[in-house]
């Protein structure tokens, strides 16, 4: 099993609206991409200069499934939108 964790820092412009919209778009992906086993999207609730704004924690059976998810057109569509509204992203993929 592979865990895929992504955290984003969003740009200040329209931040609250963009967070809601991107959370909704991400949460639609499990119904569209069969490789996703577990999927959770959360918005940060703590004010800290170290905090990111949104996190995705997802699970895949193996690295090949994670790659199919990454390449999937619906995932790519959401990624393109995320690039428009985020300033920074960090990713950790690990095996459990």
N, C-alpha and C. Protein backbone atom coordinates (compact mmCIF):
# COMPACT_ATOMS: atom_id res chain seq x y z
N UNK A 1 0.85 -1.18 0.00
CA UNK A 1 0.00 0.00 0.00
C UNK A 1 0.90 1.24 0.00
N UNK A 2 0.51 2.21 -0.81
CA UNK A 2 1.23 3.48 -0.91
C UNK A 2 0.34 4.60 -0.37
N UNK A 3 0.90 5.41 0.52
CA UNK A 3 0.23 6.63 0.98
C UNK A 3 0.80 7.79 0.17
N UNK A 4 -0.09 8.64 -0.27
CA UNK A 4 0.26 9.83 -1.06
C UNK A 4 -0.29 11.03 -0.30
N UNK A 5 0.61 11.90 0.15
CA UNK A 5 0.22 13.07 0.95
C UNK A 5 0.69 14.32 0.23
N UNK A 6 -0.23 15.25 0.03
CA UNK A 6 0.10 16.53 -0.60
C UNK A 6 -0.48 17.64 0.27
N UNK A 7 0.32 18.68 0.50
CA UNK A 7 -0.17 19.85 1.23
C UNK A 7 0.11 21.08 0.37
N UNK A 8 -0.85 22.00 0.37
CA UNK A 8 -0.75 23.20 -0.45
C UNK A 8 -0.81 24.46 0.39
N UNK A 9 -0.08 25.47 -0.06
CA UNK A 9 -0.24 26.84 0.43
C UNK A 9 -0.89 27.61 -0.72
N UNK A 10 -2.02 28.22 -0.45
CA UNK A 10 -2.77 28.92 -1.49
C UNK A 10 -2.35 30.39 -1.58
N UNK A 11 -2.51 30.96 -2.75
CA UNK A 11 -2.31 32.39 -2.95
C UNK A 11 -3.37 33.16 -2.18
N UNK A 12 -3.06 34.40 -1.83
CA UNK A 12 -3.97 35.20 -1.00
C UNK A 12 -5.25 35.61 -1.74
N UNK A 13 -5.16 35.82 -3.04
CA UNK A 13 -6.32 36.29 -3.81
C UNK A 13 -7.44 35.25 -3.79
N UNK A 14 -8.62 35.64 -3.33
CA UNK A 14 -9.80 34.77 -3.28
C UNK A 14 -9.53 33.45 -2.56
N UNK A 15 -8.70 33.49 -1.54
CA UNK A 15 -8.23 32.28 -0.87
C UNK A 15 -9.37 31.41 -0.34
N UNK A 16 -10.29 31.98 0.40
CA UNK A 16 -11.38 31.19 1.00
C UNK A 16 -12.22 30.50 -0.08
N UNK A 17 -12.57 31.22 -1.13
CA UNK A 17 -13.36 30.64 -2.22
C UNK A 17 -12.57 29.56 -2.95
N UNK A 18 -11.30 29.81 -3.20
CA UNK A 18 -10.48 28.83 -3.90
C UNK A 18 -10.28 27.56 -3.07
N UNK A 19 -10.13 27.70 -1.77
CA UNK A 19 -10.00 26.53 -0.91
C UNK A 19 -11.26 25.66 -0.99
N UNK A 20 -12.42 26.29 -0.88
CA UNK A 20 -13.68 25.53 -0.95
C UNK A 20 -13.84 24.83 -2.30
N UNK A 21 -13.55 25.57 -3.36
CA UNK A 21 -13.70 25.03 -4.71
C UNK A 21 -12.73 23.88 -4.96
N UNK A 22 -11.48 24.03 -4.56
CA UNK A 22 -10.50 22.98 -4.82
C UNK A 22 -10.76 21.75 -3.95
N UNK A 23 -11.22 21.95 -2.73
CA UNK A 23 -11.58 20.82 -1.87
C UNK A 23 -12.69 20.02 -2.54
N UNK A 24 -13.69 20.72 -3.05
CA UNK A 24 -14.80 20.05 -3.73
C UNK A 24 -14.32 19.28 -4.96
N UNK A 25 -13.48 19.89 -5.77
CA UNK A 25 -12.97 19.21 -6.96
C UNK A 25 -12.16 17.97 -6.60
N UNK A 26 -11.30 18.09 -5.60
CA UNK A 26 -10.51 16.93 -5.17
C UNK A 26 -11.41 15.81 -4.65
N UNK A 27 -12.43 16.17 -3.90
CA UNK A 27 -13.31 15.16 -3.32
C UNK A 27 -14.17 14.45 -4.36
N UNK A 28 -14.26 14.97 -5.56
CA UNK A 28 -14.98 14.31 -6.65
C UNK A 28 -14.16 13.21 -7.31
N UNK A 29 -12.84 13.23 -7.14
CA UNK A 29 -11.97 12.30 -7.87
C UNK A 29 -12.16 10.82 -7.52
N UNK A 30 -12.43 10.44 -6.27
CA UNK A 30 -12.60 9.00 -6.01
C UNK A 30 -13.72 8.35 -6.82
N UNK A 31 -14.75 9.08 -7.14
CA UNK A 31 -15.84 8.53 -7.96
C UNK A 31 -15.44 8.39 -9.42
N UNK A 32 -14.35 9.06 -9.81
CA UNK A 32 -13.93 9.08 -11.21
C UNK A 32 -12.69 8.23 -11.49
N UNK A 33 -11.92 7.91 -10.43
CA UNK A 33 -10.64 7.21 -10.62
C UNK A 33 -10.62 5.98 -9.72
N UNK A 34 -10.71 4.82 -10.33
CA UNK A 34 -10.87 3.57 -9.56
C UNK A 34 -9.63 3.18 -8.76
N UNK A 35 -8.47 3.70 -9.11
CA UNK A 35 -7.24 3.34 -8.39
C UNK A 35 -7.22 3.86 -6.95
N UNK A 36 -8.02 4.86 -6.65
CA UNK A 36 -8.03 5.46 -5.31
C UNK A 36 -8.68 4.48 -4.33
N UNK A 37 -7.96 4.15 -3.27
CA UNK A 37 -8.49 3.26 -2.23
C UNK A 37 -9.05 4.05 -1.05
N UNK A 38 -8.33 5.03 -0.58
CA UNK A 38 -8.77 5.93 0.49
C UNK A 38 -8.41 7.35 0.08
N UNK A 39 -9.23 8.32 0.51
CA UNK A 39 -9.03 9.69 0.04
C UNK A 39 -9.63 10.64 1.05
N UNK A 40 -8.83 11.55 1.54
CA UNK A 40 -9.30 12.51 2.53
C UNK A 40 -8.68 13.87 2.22
N UNK A 41 -9.52 14.89 2.19
CA UNK A 41 -9.07 16.26 1.94
C UNK A 41 -9.45 17.10 3.16
N UNK A 42 -8.48 17.83 3.70
CA UNK A 42 -8.75 18.65 4.87
C UNK A 42 -8.24 20.07 4.70
N UNK A 43 -8.98 21.01 5.31
CA UNK A 43 -8.57 22.41 5.34
C UNK A 43 -7.98 22.72 6.70
N UNK A 44 -6.89 23.46 6.71
CA UNK A 44 -6.19 23.81 7.94
C UNK A 44 -7.09 24.64 8.87
N UNK A 45 -7.00 24.33 10.16
CA UNK A 45 -7.78 25.09 11.15
C UNK A 45 -6.88 25.83 12.14
N UNK A 46 -5.57 25.70 12.01
CA UNK A 46 -4.64 26.31 12.96
C UNK A 46 -3.83 27.41 12.28
N UNK A 47 -3.76 28.56 12.92
CA UNK A 47 -2.97 29.66 12.40
C UNK A 47 -1.53 29.46 12.86
N UNK A 48 -0.63 29.34 11.90
CA UNK A 48 0.79 29.19 12.19
C UNK A 48 1.56 29.54 10.93
N UNK A 49 2.71 30.15 11.10
CA UNK A 49 3.53 30.47 9.92
C UNK A 49 4.08 29.20 9.27
N UNK A 50 4.02 28.08 9.95
CA UNK A 50 4.49 26.81 9.40
C UNK A 50 3.38 26.02 8.71
N UNK A 51 2.14 26.46 8.89
CA UNK A 51 0.99 25.69 8.41
C UNK A 51 0.77 25.85 6.91
N UNK A 52 0.27 24.78 6.31
CA UNK A 52 -0.20 24.82 4.93
C UNK A 52 -1.72 25.00 4.99
N UNK A 53 -2.35 25.29 3.85
CA UNK A 53 -3.78 25.60 3.83
C UNK A 53 -4.69 24.39 3.62
N UNK A 54 -4.22 23.41 2.85
CA UNK A 54 -5.05 22.24 2.54
C UNK A 54 -4.14 21.03 2.42
N UNK A 55 -4.69 19.86 2.80
CA UNK A 55 -3.94 18.62 2.69
C UNK A 55 -4.80 17.54 2.05
N UNK A 56 -4.14 16.67 1.30
CA UNK A 56 -4.76 15.49 0.72
C UNK A 56 -3.99 14.29 1.24
N UNK A 57 -4.71 13.32 1.81
CA UNK A 57 -4.10 12.06 2.24
C UNK A 57 -4.84 10.95 1.51
N UNK A 58 -4.11 10.21 0.69
CA UNK A 58 -4.75 9.18 -0.13
C UNK A 58 -3.94 7.90 -0.11
N UNK A 59 -4.59 6.80 -0.49
CA UNK A 59 -3.95 5.49 -0.49
C UNK A 59 -4.19 4.78 -1.82
N UNK A 60 -3.18 4.03 -2.24
CA UNK A 60 -3.20 3.28 -3.49
C UNK A 60 -2.58 1.91 -3.24
N UNK A 61 -2.99 0.90 -3.99
CA UNK A 61 -2.49 -0.45 -3.75
C UNK A 61 -0.99 -0.57 -3.99
N UNK A 62 -0.47 0.16 -4.97
CA UNK A 62 0.95 0.08 -5.28
C UNK A 62 1.37 1.31 -6.07
N UNK A 63 2.66 1.40 -6.39
CA UNK A 63 3.18 2.56 -7.11
C UNK A 63 2.57 2.68 -8.51
N UNK A 64 2.29 1.55 -9.15
CA UNK A 64 1.68 1.60 -10.48
C UNK A 64 0.29 2.23 -10.42
N UNK A 65 -0.49 1.92 -9.39
CA UNK A 65 -1.82 2.51 -9.23
C UNK A 65 -1.70 4.01 -8.96
N UNK A 66 -0.73 4.40 -8.16
CA UNK A 66 -0.50 5.82 -7.90
C UNK A 66 -0.14 6.54 -9.20
N UNK A 67 0.66 5.93 -10.03
CA UNK A 67 1.04 6.55 -11.30
C UNK A 67 -0.15 6.67 -12.25
N UNK A 68 -1.02 5.65 -12.28
CA UNK A 68 -2.22 5.74 -13.12
C UNK A 68 -3.12 6.88 -12.65
N UNK A 69 -3.24 7.03 -11.33
CA UNK A 69 -3.99 8.16 -10.76
C UNK A 69 -3.37 9.48 -11.19
N UNK A 70 -2.05 9.58 -11.06
CA UNK A 70 -1.35 10.82 -11.39
C UNK A 70 -1.55 11.19 -12.86
N UNK A 71 -1.58 10.20 -13.73
CA UNK A 71 -1.71 10.42 -15.17
C UNK A 71 -3.16 10.57 -15.65
N UNK A 72 -4.11 10.23 -14.80
CA UNK A 72 -5.52 10.24 -15.20
C UNK A 72 -5.95 11.65 -15.62
N UNK A 73 -6.68 11.77 -16.71
CA UNK A 73 -7.10 13.10 -17.20
C UNK A 73 -7.88 13.92 -16.17
N UNK A 74 -8.73 13.28 -15.38
CA UNK A 74 -9.50 14.04 -14.37
C UNK A 74 -8.57 14.58 -13.28
N UNK A 75 -7.59 13.79 -12.88
CA UNK A 75 -6.60 14.26 -11.90
C UNK A 75 -5.80 15.41 -12.50
N UNK A 76 -5.38 15.27 -13.73
CA UNK A 76 -4.60 16.32 -14.39
C UNK A 76 -5.40 17.63 -14.50
N UNK A 77 -6.70 17.52 -14.73
CA UNK A 77 -7.56 18.71 -14.80
C UNK A 77 -7.55 19.46 -13.47
N UNK A 78 -7.67 18.71 -12.36
CA UNK A 78 -7.66 19.33 -11.03
C UNK A 78 -6.28 19.90 -10.72
N UNK A 79 -5.22 19.19 -11.09
CA UNK A 79 -3.86 19.68 -10.87
C UNK A 79 -3.66 21.03 -11.56
N UNK A 80 -4.13 21.14 -12.78
CA UNK A 80 -3.98 22.41 -13.51
C UNK A 80 -4.69 23.55 -12.78
N UNK A 81 -5.86 23.28 -12.24
CA UNK A 81 -6.57 24.31 -11.48
C UNK A 81 -5.83 24.64 -10.18
N UNK A 82 -5.29 23.62 -9.53
CA UNK A 82 -4.51 23.87 -8.31
C UNK A 82 -3.30 24.75 -8.59
N UNK A 83 -2.66 24.55 -9.71
CA UNK A 83 -1.50 25.38 -10.07
C UNK A 83 -1.89 26.85 -10.21
N UNK A 84 -3.13 27.10 -10.58
CA UNK A 84 -3.59 28.48 -10.77
C UNK A 84 -3.80 29.22 -9.44
N UNK A 85 -4.09 28.48 -8.37
CA UNK A 85 -4.48 29.12 -7.11
C UNK A 85 -3.52 28.88 -5.95
N UNK A 86 -2.54 28.00 -6.14
CA UNK A 86 -1.62 27.71 -5.04
C UNK A 86 -0.24 28.32 -5.29
N UNK A 87 0.44 28.60 -4.19
CA UNK A 87 1.79 29.17 -4.27
C UNK A 87 2.86 28.11 -4.08
N UNK A 88 2.51 27.06 -3.35
CA UNK A 88 3.50 26.05 -2.99
C UNK A 88 2.78 24.75 -2.69
N UNK A 89 3.44 23.65 -3.01
CA UNK A 89 2.93 22.32 -2.63
C UNK A 89 4.10 21.47 -2.18
N UNK A 90 3.82 20.60 -1.23
CA UNK A 90 4.81 19.61 -0.78
C UNK A 90 4.15 18.24 -0.87
N UNK A 91 4.95 17.24 -1.25
CA UNK A 91 4.42 15.90 -1.48
C UNK A 91 5.30 14.89 -0.76
N UNK A 92 4.64 13.91 -0.14
CA UNK A 92 5.33 12.76 0.43
C UNK A 92 4.58 11.51 0.00
N UNK A 93 5.29 10.58 -0.62
CA UNK A 93 4.76 9.26 -0.96
C UNK A 93 5.56 8.23 -0.17
N UNK A 94 4.85 7.33 0.53
CA UNK A 94 5.56 6.33 1.31
C UNK A 94 4.80 5.02 1.32
N UNK A 95 5.54 3.96 1.55
CA UNK A 95 4.95 2.62 1.57
C UNK A 95 4.57 2.23 2.99
N UNK A 96 3.38 1.62 3.12
CA UNK A 96 2.97 1.12 4.44
C UNK A 96 2.76 -0.37 4.38
